[in-house]
Protein backbone atom coordinates (compact mmCIF):
# COMPACT_ATOMS: atom_id res chain seq x y z
CA UNK A 1 -105.77 102.50 75.16
CA UNK A 2 -102.21 102.74 76.73
CA UNK A 3 -99.12 102.57 74.62
CA UNK A 4 -96.21 100.53 76.07
CA UNK A 5 -92.54 101.37 75.93
CA UNK A 6 -90.23 98.66 76.95
CA UNK A 7 -86.62 99.56 78.08
CA UNK A 8 -83.95 97.08 77.96
CA UNK A 9 -80.09 97.34 78.41
CA UNK A 10 -77.07 95.76 76.97
CA UNK A 11 -73.32 95.63 76.98
CA UNK A 12 -72.77 96.38 80.72
CA UNK A 13 -74.98 96.75 83.69
CA UNK A 14 -75.42 100.06 85.66
CA UNK A 15 -75.95 102.11 82.48
CA UNK A 16 -78.78 103.94 83.90
CA UNK A 17 -82.03 102.31 82.53
CA UNK A 18 -83.92 103.63 85.42
CA UNK A 19 -82.69 107.23 84.95
CA UNK A 20 -83.31 107.03 81.21
CA UNK A 21 -86.90 105.60 81.86
CA UNK A 22 -87.66 108.44 84.36
CA UNK A 23 -86.24 111.17 81.97
CA UNK A 24 -88.35 109.84 79.07
CA UNK A 25 -91.33 109.76 81.38
CA UNK A 26 -90.77 113.33 82.42
CA UNK A 27 -90.53 114.35 78.67
CA UNK A 28 -93.71 112.71 77.70
CA UNK A 29 -95.39 114.11 80.85
CA UNK A 30 -94.19 117.57 79.85
CA UNK A 31 -96.07 117.19 76.54
CA UNK A 32 -99.25 116.74 78.38
CA UNK A 33 -99.46 112.89 78.42
CA UNK A 34 -100.27 110.77 81.44
CA UNK A 35 -97.52 108.24 82.15
CA UNK A 36 -96.79 105.27 84.38
CA UNK A 37 -93.41 103.66 84.96
CA UNK A 38 -92.93 100.11 86.16
CA UNK A 39 -89.89 97.97 86.83
CA UNK A 40 -89.56 94.22 86.36
CA UNK A 41 -86.73 92.76 88.37
CA UNK A 42 -85.45 89.14 87.40
CA UNK A 43 -83.94 88.42 90.77
CA UNK A 44 -85.53 85.60 93.03
CA UNK A 45 -85.98 87.68 96.09
CA UNK A 46 -89.61 88.46 96.85
CA UNK A 47 -88.44 92.10 97.14
CA UNK A 48 -85.04 93.91 97.97
CA UNK A 49 -86.17 94.41 101.65
CA UNK A 50 -83.62 91.78 103.12
CA UNK A 51 -80.85 92.51 100.48
CA UNK A 52 -77.49 93.89 101.53
CA UNK A 53 -77.17 97.63 100.76
CA UNK A 54 -73.70 96.78 99.38
CA UNK A 55 -75.33 94.50 96.82
CA UNK A 56 -78.58 96.21 95.81
CA UNK A 57 -78.21 99.76 97.10
CA UNK A 58 -81.18 101.69 98.57
CA UNK A 59 -84.56 100.09 99.16
CA UNK A 60 -87.21 102.49 98.02
CA UNK A 61 -90.35 102.53 100.07
CA UNK A 62 -93.71 103.59 98.63
CA UNK A 63 -96.87 105.07 100.38
CA UNK A 64 -98.60 101.69 100.43
CA UNK A 65 -95.55 100.08 102.11
CA UNK A 66 -93.77 98.35 99.17
CA UNK A 67 -89.93 97.76 99.53
CA UNK A 68 -88.93 98.28 95.92
CA UNK A 69 -85.99 98.98 93.70
CA UNK A 70 -84.26 102.34 93.95
CA UNK A 71 -85.21 103.10 90.33
CA UNK A 72 -88.78 103.75 91.55
CA UNK A 73 -87.24 106.73 93.40
CA UNK A 74 -86.04 108.08 90.10
CA UNK A 75 -89.48 107.50 88.62
CA UNK A 76 -91.14 109.55 91.47
CA UNK A 77 -88.56 112.43 91.52
CA UNK A 78 -88.75 112.98 87.84
CA UNK A 79 -92.59 112.66 87.31
CA UNK A 80 -93.86 113.50 90.78
CA UNK A 81 -96.35 110.52 90.47
CA UNK A 82 -96.14 108.38 93.68
CA UNK A 83 -95.17 104.81 92.96
CA UNK A 84 -97.21 101.83 94.37
CA UNK A 85 -96.67 98.16 95.15
CA UNK A 86 -98.16 97.63 91.64
CA UNK A 87 -95.08 99.31 90.02
CA UNK A 88 -92.47 96.77 90.82
CA UNK A 89 -92.45 92.97 90.58
CA UNK A 90 -89.67 90.37 91.05
CA UNK A 91 -89.19 86.80 89.72
CA UNK A 92 -89.56 85.56 93.32
CA UNK A 93 -92.97 87.28 93.68
CA UNK A 94 -94.21 85.78 90.42
CA UNK A 95 -93.15 82.34 91.34
CA UNK A 96 -94.77 82.68 94.88
CA UNK A 97 -97.95 83.72 93.33
CA UNK A 98 -97.92 80.91 90.78
CA UNK A 99 -97.00 78.15 93.24
CA UNK A 100 -99.75 79.45 95.68
CA UNK A 101 -102.25 78.96 92.88
CA UNK A 102 -100.84 75.62 91.91
CA UNK A 103 -101.10 74.46 95.59
CA UNK A 104 -104.78 75.60 95.59
CA UNK A 105 -105.55 73.68 92.41
CA UNK A 106 -106.19 76.72 90.33
CA UNK A 107 -104.33 75.24 87.35
CA UNK A 108 -106.71 72.04 87.27
CA UNK A 109 -103.82 69.69 87.20
CA UNK A 110 -101.83 71.44 84.37
CA UNK A 111 -98.06 71.11 84.08
CA UNK A 112 -96.71 74.44 85.34
CA UNK A 113 -94.03 75.81 82.93
CA UNK A 114 -92.16 79.07 82.21
CA UNK A 115 -94.03 79.36 78.98
CA UNK A 116 -96.91 79.93 79.38
CA UNK A 117 -97.47 80.28 83.11
CA UNK A 118 -94.50 82.54 84.18
CA UNK A 119 -94.58 84.67 80.95
CA UNK A 120 -98.51 85.07 81.33
CA UNK A 121 -98.02 86.27 84.86
CA UNK A 122 -95.57 88.87 83.67
CA UNK A 123 -97.85 90.08 80.85
CA UNK A 124 -100.80 90.34 83.35
CA UNK A 125 -98.67 92.41 85.60
CA UNK A 126 -97.56 94.67 82.74
CA UNK A 127 -101.10 95.21 81.38
CA UNK A 128 -103.01 95.66 84.69
CA UNK A 129 -104.38 98.90 85.80
CA UNK A 130 -103.28 101.12 82.87
CA UNK A 131 -106.63 102.39 81.47
CA UNK A 132 -106.17 105.95 82.70
CA UNK A 133 -102.46 106.33 81.13
CA UNK A 134 -101.34 107.29 77.79
CA UNK A 135 -98.03 105.73 78.09
CA UNK A 136 -96.68 102.88 80.30
CA UNK A 137 -92.87 102.73 80.38
CA UNK A 138 -91.63 99.24 81.53
CA UNK A 139 -87.98 98.86 82.62
CA UNK A 140 -86.50 95.31 82.50
CA UNK A 141 -83.73 94.85 85.03
CA UNK A 142 -80.38 93.48 84.28
CA UNK A 143 -78.92 93.10 80.75
CA UNK A 144 -79.90 91.24 77.68
CA UNK A 145 -78.39 87.61 77.92
CA UNK A 146 -78.84 87.31 81.66
CA UNK A 147 -80.30 83.88 82.08
CA UNK A 148 -82.71 85.06 84.88
CA UNK A 149 -84.05 87.68 82.57
CA UNK A 150 -85.20 85.40 79.71
CA UNK A 151 -88.84 84.97 80.79
CA UNK A 152 -89.24 88.75 81.05
CA UNK A 153 -87.76 89.25 77.52
CA UNK A 154 -90.05 86.37 76.22
CA UNK A 155 -93.06 88.13 77.81
CA UNK A 156 -92.41 91.44 76.28
CA UNK A 157 -91.77 89.79 72.87
CA UNK A 158 -95.16 88.27 73.10
CA UNK A 159 -96.77 91.52 74.09
CA UNK A 160 -95.24 93.23 70.97
CA UNK A 161 -97.21 90.87 68.88
CA UNK A 162 -100.46 90.68 70.98
CA UNK A 163 -100.86 94.52 71.52
CA UNK A 164 -102.57 96.52 68.66
CA UNK A 165 -100.25 97.79 65.90
CA UNK A 166 -98.44 100.96 67.14
CA UNK A 167 -99.01 100.30 70.65
CA UNK A 168 -95.58 98.90 71.65
CA UNK A 169 -91.96 99.83 70.96
CA UNK A 170 -88.67 98.75 72.33
CA UNK A 171 -85.83 101.05 73.42
CA UNK A 172 -82.43 99.47 73.98
CA UNK A 173 -79.91 101.35 76.15
CA UNK A 174 -76.27 100.47 75.39
CA UNK A 175 -72.76 101.70 75.86
CA UNK A 176 -70.37 103.02 73.07
CA UNK A 177 -66.95 102.92 74.63
CA UNK A 178 -64.26 105.15 73.60
CA UNK A 179 -60.79 103.56 73.00
CA UNK A 180 -58.07 106.27 73.43
CA UNK A 181 -55.33 104.36 71.67
CA UNK A 182 -57.61 104.05 68.57
CA UNK A 183 -59.09 107.46 69.01
CA UNK A 184 -62.68 106.33 68.09
CA UNK A 185 -65.96 105.18 69.70
CA UNK A 186 -66.46 101.49 69.10
CA UNK A 187 -69.98 100.24 68.02
CA UNK A 188 -69.20 96.45 68.01
CA UNK A 189 -70.40 95.96 71.66
CA UNK A 190 -73.74 97.51 70.76
CA UNK A 191 -73.96 95.48 67.51
CA UNK A 192 -73.55 92.32 69.49
CA UNK A 193 -76.02 93.38 72.19
CA UNK A 194 -78.67 94.05 69.58
CA UNK A 195 -77.86 90.64 67.85
CA UNK A 196 -78.47 89.01 71.17
CA UNK A 197 -81.74 90.87 71.54
CA UNK A 198 -82.85 90.07 68.13
CA UNK A 199 -82.05 86.37 68.64
CA UNK A 200 -84.75 86.20 71.22
CA UNK A 201 -87.16 87.88 68.92
CA UNK A 202 -87.02 91.52 69.79
CA UNK A 203 -86.07 94.19 67.39
CA UNK A 204 -85.45 97.41 68.99
CA UNK A 205 -87.09 100.45 67.47
CA UNK A 206 -84.68 103.04 69.18
CA UNK A 207 -81.03 102.74 70.32
CA UNK A 208 -80.10 105.00 73.27
CA UNK A 209 -76.42 105.10 73.30
CA UNK A 210 -74.52 106.09 76.34
CA UNK A 211 -71.41 107.97 75.49
CA UNK A 212 -69.00 110.67 76.74
CA UNK A 213 -68.66 112.37 73.46
CA UNK A 214 -70.51 113.21 70.26
CA UNK A 215 -71.35 110.17 67.98
CA UNK A 216 -69.77 110.83 64.46
CA UNK A 217 -72.11 110.57 61.55
CA UNK A 218 -70.38 107.50 60.22
CA UNK A 219 -70.70 105.52 63.49
CA UNK A 220 -74.57 106.59 63.70
CA UNK A 221 -74.95 105.34 60.13
CA UNK A 222 -73.05 102.05 60.98
CA UNK A 223 -75.25 101.43 64.02
CA UNK A 224 -78.45 101.95 62.00
CA UNK A 225 -77.27 99.64 59.27
CA UNK A 226 -76.07 96.68 61.43
CA UNK A 227 -78.74 97.07 64.13
CA UNK A 228 -81.56 97.47 61.64
CA UNK A 229 -82.90 100.76 63.09
CA UNK A 230 -83.51 104.17 61.33
CA UNK A 231 -80.48 106.51 61.56
CA UNK A 232 -82.66 109.03 63.27
CA UNK A 233 -83.39 106.36 65.91
CA UNK A 234 -79.83 106.13 66.93
CA UNK A 235 -80.06 108.62 69.97
CA UNK A 236 -77.03 110.11 71.61
CA UNK A 237 -77.16 109.83 75.41
CA UNK A 238 -74.29 112.06 76.30
CA UNK A 239 -72.88 112.17 79.90
CA UNK A 240 -74.26 115.36 81.49
CA UNK A 241 -73.05 117.26 84.65
CA UNK A 242 -76.05 116.37 86.88
CA UNK A 243 -78.96 113.96 86.52
CA UNK A 244 -81.59 116.73 86.19
CA UNK A 245 -80.03 117.73 82.87
CA UNK A 246 -81.02 114.54 81.33
CA UNK A 247 -84.56 115.34 80.30
CA UNK A 248 -83.34 118.52 78.40
CA UNK A 249 -80.40 116.56 76.95
CA UNK A 250 -82.63 113.71 75.67
CA UNK A 251 -84.96 116.22 74.16
CA UNK A 252 -82.24 118.01 72.34
CA UNK A 253 -81.09 114.69 70.94
CA UNK A 254 -84.64 113.99 69.72
CA UNK A 255 -85.60 111.05 71.87
CA UNK A 256 -89.16 112.07 72.70
CA UNK A 257 -89.83 113.04 69.08
CA UNK A 258 -88.57 109.64 67.78
CA UNK A 259 -90.70 107.84 70.47
CA UNK A 260 -93.82 109.67 69.27
CA UNK A 261 -92.75 108.87 65.56
CA UNK A 262 -92.48 105.30 66.38
CA UNK A 263 -95.99 105.22 67.58
CA UNK A 264 -97.10 107.18 64.44
CA UNK A 265 -98.08 110.14 66.67
CA UNK A 266 -97.61 113.63 65.43
CA UNK A 267 -96.19 115.87 68.19
CA UNK A 268 -98.95 118.02 69.55
CA UNK A 269 -96.97 120.61 71.46
CA UNK A 270 -93.28 120.89 72.48
CA UNK A 271 -92.49 119.75 75.96
CA UNK A 272 -92.86 122.39 78.73
CA UNK A 273 -89.31 122.21 80.21
CA UNK A 274 -89.13 125.49 81.98
CA UNK A 275 -89.01 123.96 85.42
CA UNK A 276 -86.12 121.60 84.44
CA UNK A 277 -84.31 124.58 83.01
CA UNK A 278 -84.79 126.49 86.24
CA UNK A 279 -83.50 123.46 88.24
CA UNK A 280 -80.41 123.25 86.09
CA UNK A 281 -79.63 126.85 86.26
CA UNK A 282 -79.61 126.63 90.02
CA UNK A 283 -77.48 123.53 89.92
CA UNK A 284 -74.93 125.01 87.59
CA UNK A 285 -74.82 128.48 88.98
CA UNK A 286 -74.97 128.18 92.80
CA UNK A 287 -74.69 131.32 94.95
CA UNK A 288 -72.60 129.57 97.59
CA UNK A 289 -71.54 126.16 99.06
CA UNK A 290 -72.26 124.25 102.20
CA UNK A 291 -70.52 121.03 103.41
CA UNK A 292 -72.65 118.38 104.85
CA UNK A 293 -70.96 115.37 106.76
CA UNK A 294 -72.87 111.99 106.19
CA UNK A 295 -71.96 109.84 109.17
CA UNK A 296 -73.16 106.39 107.86
CA UNK A 297 -72.49 102.61 107.80
CA UNK A 298 -72.68 102.04 104.12
CA UNK A 299 -70.61 104.90 102.86
CA UNK A 300 -68.61 102.55 100.58
CA UNK A 301 -71.79 102.04 98.52
CA UNK A 302 -73.28 105.47 97.70
CA UNK A 303 -76.28 103.92 95.99
CA UNK A 304 -77.38 102.79 99.45
CA UNK A 305 -78.23 106.46 100.15
CA UNK A 306 -79.56 107.49 96.70
CA UNK A 307 -82.70 109.22 97.81
CA UNK A 308 -80.78 110.90 100.54
CA UNK A 309 -78.17 112.34 98.16
CA UNK A 310 -80.93 113.62 95.84
CA UNK A 311 -82.89 115.12 98.70
CA UNK A 312 -79.85 117.06 99.96
CA UNK A 313 -79.37 118.28 96.42
CA UNK A 314 -83.02 119.51 96.43
CA UNK A 315 -82.29 121.37 99.53
CA UNK A 316 -79.62 123.06 97.71
CA UNK A 317 -81.74 123.87 94.82
CA UNK A 318 -84.22 125.39 97.07
CA UNK A 319 -81.66 127.58 98.68
CA UNK A 320 -79.54 128.24 95.58
CA UNK A 321 -76.47 126.69 97.07
CA UNK A 322 -74.31 123.78 96.13
CA UNK A 323 -74.30 120.93 98.66
CA UNK A 324 -70.88 119.24 99.02
CA UNK A 325 -70.99 115.92 100.76
CA UNK A 326 -68.30 114.49 103.22
CA UNK A 327 -68.76 110.75 103.62
CA UNK A 328 -67.62 109.49 107.01
CA UNK A 329 -67.78 105.89 108.03
CA UNK A 330 -69.30 105.86 111.46
CA UNK A 331 -66.91 103.21 112.90
CA UNK A 332 -64.11 105.74 112.66
CA UNK A 333 -65.51 107.75 115.58
CA UNK A 334 -65.58 104.67 117.88
CA UNK A 335 -61.75 105.00 118.07
CA UNK A 336 -60.96 108.56 117.09
CA UNK A 337 -62.04 112.02 118.17
CA UNK A 338 -64.81 113.32 115.81
CA UNK A 339 -63.52 116.88 116.05
CA UNK A 340 -60.97 116.82 113.21
CA UNK A 341 -63.53 115.27 110.94
CA UNK A 342 -66.42 117.49 111.79
CA UNK A 343 -64.95 120.81 112.77
CA UNK A 344 -65.11 122.05 109.08
CA UNK A 345 -68.57 120.96 108.05
CA UNK A 346 -71.73 123.06 108.13
CA UNK A 347 -74.14 120.31 109.02
CA UNK A 348 -74.13 116.72 110.13
CA UNK A 349 -76.59 114.07 108.87
CA UNK A 350 -76.82 110.59 110.38
CA UNK A 351 -78.91 108.50 108.16
CA UNK A 352 -80.75 105.15 108.81
CA UNK A 353 -79.17 101.72 109.10
CA UNK A 354 -79.36 98.48 110.96
CA UNK A 355 -77.25 96.65 113.51
CA UNK A 356 -74.73 97.57 116.06
CA UNK A 357 -71.70 98.17 113.89
CA UNK A 358 -70.89 101.87 113.84
CA UNK A 359 -73.70 102.78 116.27
CA UNK A 360 -71.29 104.33 118.94
CA UNK A 361 -69.72 106.43 116.20
CA UNK A 362 -73.09 107.80 115.29
CA UNK A 363 -73.75 108.62 118.95
CA UNK A 364 -70.51 110.50 119.10
CA UNK A 365 -71.39 112.46 115.92
CA UNK A 366 -74.72 113.42 117.51
CA UNK A 367 -72.91 114.46 120.74
CA UNK A 368 -70.55 116.69 118.66
CA UNK A 369 -73.43 118.38 116.89
CA UNK A 370 -75.30 119.00 120.19
CA UNK A 371 -72.25 120.40 122.05
CA UNK A 372 -70.81 122.52 119.18
CA UNK A 373 -74.27 123.87 117.95
CA UNK A 374 -73.75 122.32 114.52
CA UNK A 375 -76.95 121.51 112.59
CA UNK A 376 -77.88 117.93 112.99
CA UNK A 377 -80.27 115.81 111.09
CA UNK A 378 -80.95 112.39 112.42
CA UNK A 379 -83.11 110.01 110.20
CA UNK A 380 -84.57 106.83 111.52
CA UNK A 381 -81.47 105.25 113.05
CA UNK A 382 -79.92 108.61 113.39
CA UNK A 383 -82.79 109.72 115.57
CA UNK A 384 -82.55 106.93 117.78
CA UNK A 385 -78.83 107.34 118.33
CA UNK A 386 -79.41 111.10 119.16
CA UNK A 387 -82.00 110.03 121.79
CA UNK A 388 -79.39 107.47 123.33
CA UNK A 389 -76.79 110.16 123.29
CA UNK A 390 -79.02 112.51 125.25
CA UNK A 391 -80.04 109.90 127.73
CA UNK A 392 -76.41 109.05 128.44
CA UNK A 393 -74.86 112.54 128.52
CA UNK A 394 -77.73 114.76 129.57
CA UNK A 395 -80.11 112.60 131.75
CA UNK A 396 -77.21 110.39 133.13
CA UNK A 397 -78.60 107.00 132.10
CA UNK A 398 -75.18 105.69 131.29
CA UNK A 399 -76.40 102.29 130.30
CA UNK A 400 -78.95 103.62 127.83
CA UNK A 401 -78.91 101.55 124.60
CA UNK A 402 -81.07 99.79 122.04
CA UNK A 403 -82.39 96.29 122.26
CA UNK A 404 -81.48 95.77 118.62
CA UNK A 405 -77.87 95.51 119.93
CA UNK A 406 -78.75 92.87 122.71
CA UNK A 407 -80.28 92.84 126.20
CA UNK A 408 -80.03 96.12 128.09
CA UNK A 409 -81.13 97.42 131.48
CA UNK A 410 -82.12 100.88 129.90
CA UNK A 411 -83.90 100.18 126.63
CA UNK A 412 -84.14 103.72 125.33
CA UNK A 413 -84.98 101.99 121.93
CA UNK A 414 -86.94 98.75 121.58
CA UNK A 415 -88.67 96.40 119.17
CA UNK A 416 -92.22 97.57 118.14
CA UNK A 417 -94.70 94.71 118.63
CA UNK A 418 -97.92 96.40 117.54
CA UNK A 419 -99.02 99.63 115.96
CA UNK A 420 -102.02 101.05 114.26
CA UNK A 421 -102.35 101.37 110.44
CA UNK A 422 -105.50 103.23 110.02
CA UNK A 423 -108.00 101.55 112.22
CA UNK A 424 -106.26 98.15 112.07
CA UNK A 425 -103.74 96.88 114.61
CA UNK A 426 -100.70 95.32 113.13
CA UNK A 427 -98.56 93.01 115.25
CA UNK A 428 -95.07 91.51 114.95
CA UNK A 429 -93.07 89.14 117.07
CA UNK A 430 -89.33 89.25 117.81
CA UNK A 431 -88.95 85.60 116.31
CA UNK A 432 -90.91 86.48 113.09
CA UNK A 433 -89.42 86.72 109.53
CA UNK A 434 -87.25 89.79 108.72
CA UNK A 435 -88.70 90.36 105.23
CA UNK A 436 -91.81 92.55 105.07
CA UNK A 437 -92.30 92.74 108.76
CA UNK A 438 -91.19 96.28 109.58
CA UNK A 439 -93.49 99.31 109.96
CA UNK A 440 -93.58 100.28 106.16
CA UNK A 441 -95.06 102.95 104.16
CA UNK A 442 -96.96 106.16 104.86
CA UNK A 443 -98.23 106.87 108.37
CA UNK A 444 -99.61 110.03 109.85
CA UNK A 445 -97.93 112.10 112.67
CA UNK A 446 -99.21 114.84 114.95
CA UNK A 447 -96.88 117.89 115.35
CA UNK A 448 -96.63 120.00 118.51
CA UNK A 449 -97.99 123.42 117.73
CA UNK A 450 -95.31 125.99 117.86
CA UNK A 451 -92.45 123.54 117.60
CA UNK A 452 -89.58 124.18 115.26
CA UNK A 453 -90.58 121.13 113.10
CA UNK A 454 -94.08 122.53 112.83
CA UNK A 455 -92.63 125.78 111.53
CA UNK A 456 -90.56 123.76 109.04
CA UNK A 457 -93.76 122.19 107.67
CA UNK A 458 -95.41 125.62 107.29
CA UNK A 459 -97.22 125.53 110.57
CA UNK A 460 -98.81 122.22 109.93
CA UNK A 461 -99.87 120.02 113.06
CA UNK A 462 -100.74 116.86 110.90
CA UNK A 463 -98.35 115.31 108.35
CA UNK A 464 -97.85 111.93 106.56
CA UNK A 465 -94.35 110.48 105.95
CA UNK A 466 -92.97 107.18 104.89
CA UNK A 467 -91.36 104.66 107.44
CA UNK A 468 -89.14 101.67 107.20
CA UNK A 469 -88.13 100.61 110.69
CA UNK A 470 -88.56 97.82 113.25
CA UNK A 471 -87.36 99.59 116.44
CA UNK A 472 -88.79 102.78 118.15
CA UNK A 473 -87.83 105.17 120.87
CA UNK A 474 -89.33 104.14 124.19
CA UNK A 475 -91.83 106.70 125.41
CA UNK A 476 -91.26 105.57 128.99
CA UNK A 477 -88.19 107.86 129.03
CA UNK A 478 -90.07 110.80 127.30
CA UNK A 479 -90.55 112.95 130.46
CA UNK A 480 -87.02 112.60 131.58
CA UNK A 481 -85.54 113.47 128.24
CA UNK A 482 -87.87 116.49 127.82
CA UNK A 483 -86.85 117.90 131.21
CA UNK A 484 -83.17 118.00 129.90
CA UNK A 485 -84.10 119.78 126.62
CA UNK A 486 -84.96 117.07 124.10
CA UNK A 487 -88.55 117.71 123.07
CA UNK A 488 -90.80 115.09 121.52
CA UNK A 489 -92.37 117.43 118.98
CA UNK A 490 -93.99 114.74 116.78
CA UNK A 491 -95.98 111.58 117.81
CA UNK A 492 -98.06 109.00 116.19
CA UNK A 493 -101.89 110.14 116.34
CA UNK A 494 -102.40 107.75 119.31
CA UNK A 495 -99.44 109.25 121.24
CA UNK A 496 -97.74 105.96 121.46
CA UNK A 497 -94.86 106.21 118.94
CA UNK A 498 -92.40 109.11 118.97
CA UNK A 499 -91.83 110.46 115.45
CA UNK A 500 -89.80 113.61 115.82
CA UNK A 501 -87.43 115.01 118.53
CA UNK A 502 -85.81 118.27 118.61
CA UNK A 503 -83.72 120.70 120.88
CA UNK A 504 -85.45 124.06 121.23
CA UNK A 505 -82.22 125.90 122.28
CA UNK A 506 -80.07 124.39 119.58
CA UNK A 507 -79.57 126.27 116.11
CA UNK A 508 -81.16 123.21 114.27
CA UNK A 509 -81.20 119.76 115.73
CA UNK A 510 -84.03 117.54 114.52
CA UNK A 511 -84.37 113.77 114.57
CA UNK A 512 -87.19 112.00 112.68
CA UNK A 513 -88.19 108.26 112.73
CA UNK A 514 -89.45 108.38 109.19
CA UNK A 515 -87.60 108.87 105.82
CA UNK A 516 -88.38 112.30 104.41
CA UNK A 517 -85.89 111.86 101.71
CA UNK A 518 -88.27 109.35 99.95
CA UNK A 519 -90.77 112.25 99.22
CA UNK A 520 -88.49 115.03 97.98
CA UNK A 521 -88.58 116.17 94.41
CA UNK A 522 -86.27 118.56 92.63
CA UNK A 523 -89.29 120.83 91.81
CA UNK A 524 -90.69 120.34 95.32
CA UNK A 525 -87.90 119.93 97.81
CA UNK A 526 -88.94 118.35 101.15
CA UNK A 527 -89.17 121.18 103.79
CA UNK A 528 -87.01 119.34 106.31
CA UNK A 529 -84.21 119.11 103.83
CA UNK A 530 -84.70 122.81 102.57
CA UNK A 531 -84.64 123.90 106.26
CA UNK A 532 -81.56 121.82 107.03
CA UNK A 533 -79.60 123.28 104.25
CA UNK A 534 -80.76 126.76 105.17
CA UNK A 535 -79.45 126.19 108.69
CA UNK A 536 -76.22 124.91 107.30
CA UNK A 537 -75.87 128.29 105.27
CA UNK A 538 -76.10 130.20 108.49
CA UNK A 539 -73.55 127.84 110.18
CA UNK A 540 -71.19 128.45 107.09
CA UNK A 541 -71.19 132.07 107.79
CA UNK A 542 -70.13 131.45 111.47
CA UNK A 543 -67.22 129.05 110.70
C-alpha cells in the first residue's frame, strides 16, 4: 500500500513547495522507490488554461491534454515520470463534479456541504490510482491560513487518521528570515505558521526551513521545542546556486532519511545521485558561454516561461556551456531597429503567446535572424510569426497575417476547426469557449526524411510532441513558401497540419508548432534544444 507525504507551506507564498516536492520525489526514486507526485490547487478556476501568465505563470501541458500548474513541470523534470490529468485538481473542478452529481440526483436529496462532500471528493482524488506506487507526494497549493485552502487541509487531516498507522506524514515548508540589524535568523514566523497548522488539526512531522544561511543549533532546538517536532526533523533548506543542486542539498541535510524514519522504514540503500552530481558539475564548471535572446510578450513574468528556461539550461548541460538569457519585450521592435538588441546574441528564440500585442516585433526578430544567419528557434506563435515574415518578405504577400488578429485578405495563419486525435475527429467553433478548447496534449508528426529536423531527432521520421494552440499555419500557402526556401519538414500524419518549418540554406532556423520544452529533462535534454544551443556555440565563434 502506498504511503502518503503531504507538503504544505507557510509564512509566505512562492517558497518553492513544488520544487521541494520534486526534489524529495527524486531522492526517494534514487533509493529505488516508485513515486507519484500530485498537486491540489485551491483556486476556483477549472484549470489554469485561461489564467493570465502574469498571475499564474506557465500553463504546463501533459501528454493527455491537461492544462496544469507549472509545478507538474518540476515533477516531470526531476523524476522523469510523465504527469497526467489525474495529478492535478482544483477547487473549481471538484465543485463542478459535485454539482453535476447533485443535478443528476446522485446524492438522493442530501444537503451538499463542504464537509463531507467536498472533503470526500478531495480524499477520493488523493487516494485514487496509487496501487503501483510506494510513495505519493501531495502538494497543497497556497499557504496555511488561506481561506480557500481550508477544505484541502481538512481533507488531509482526515486522511492522516483514516490511513493505516505509519502511512501518512506531513512536511511543512517555511521561511526563516534573517534580520541584518539583529544579526540572527528569526523563528517566530515559523512558530506562528505551525500554530496555525496545528489549530486545524495537523501536526507537522518535518519542518523544511528555507534560509540563506546555516541554522544555528540553538534556533534548531527552539524550533523543535515550540513546533513540537524532533530536532532532527528540523531540516535546513539552504539556498543553492541552481535548482538541480536541491536533491543533493536535501540529502546532505538529511531530509530523505528523516522521511523514511517518520514512516518507520530502515533505509535500504543510499540514494544513487551520480546523475545529479554530473549535472551539477556541468552547471558549475561550463566550458564556455552562449547568449540567447528570448523575444517574448510576457518577459516581465519569468515564470510564464519556466519550462522554456529549464529546457535551454538542459541544452547547455548537454553541450557543457552556460546559457545566458537576454530578455527582450517584443513590442520594443515595433518601434525600434532590432539590430542593436540582437547583434551580440548567439541565438534568437521566439516563444509561444496569444494575441496581437508584440506580434510585429516577433516578426522583425525572425527577419533579423533569417537575414543575419543567426540561429532561430520559433515555438508555436514563434513559428507562425516566422512563416508570416517569410510570406511578406520572400514571397511578396505584403498583407500576410493571422486571423487571430482580425480579418485578413491573406490568412497565412488561421483558426483550426477540426483535427484528428487518434481515429477521432475533434471539432471547435470560433464562437466556442476559450477554456479547454485548444489542440492540447501529445500528437504525432511525420518528419521529412533527410531534413535538418529529422537529423536533430536522430534520423527519426515519426515523433510525438505536446501542443497547446488554437491557430495553425495555412497549408494553402505551402508550395509558394517552399519555392522561396521555407520547407515544411514536419506535418501531421494526415498531411493537413504543418508542425515544423525550416530553412535548408540557413545555419539553424527551425520553427515548431508544438512545445518541445515540456518534454525536456536535465538528464535527457530535448534534442531540439541541444541542437539549438550547439548551433549557438558555432555562432559564438563567428561573432
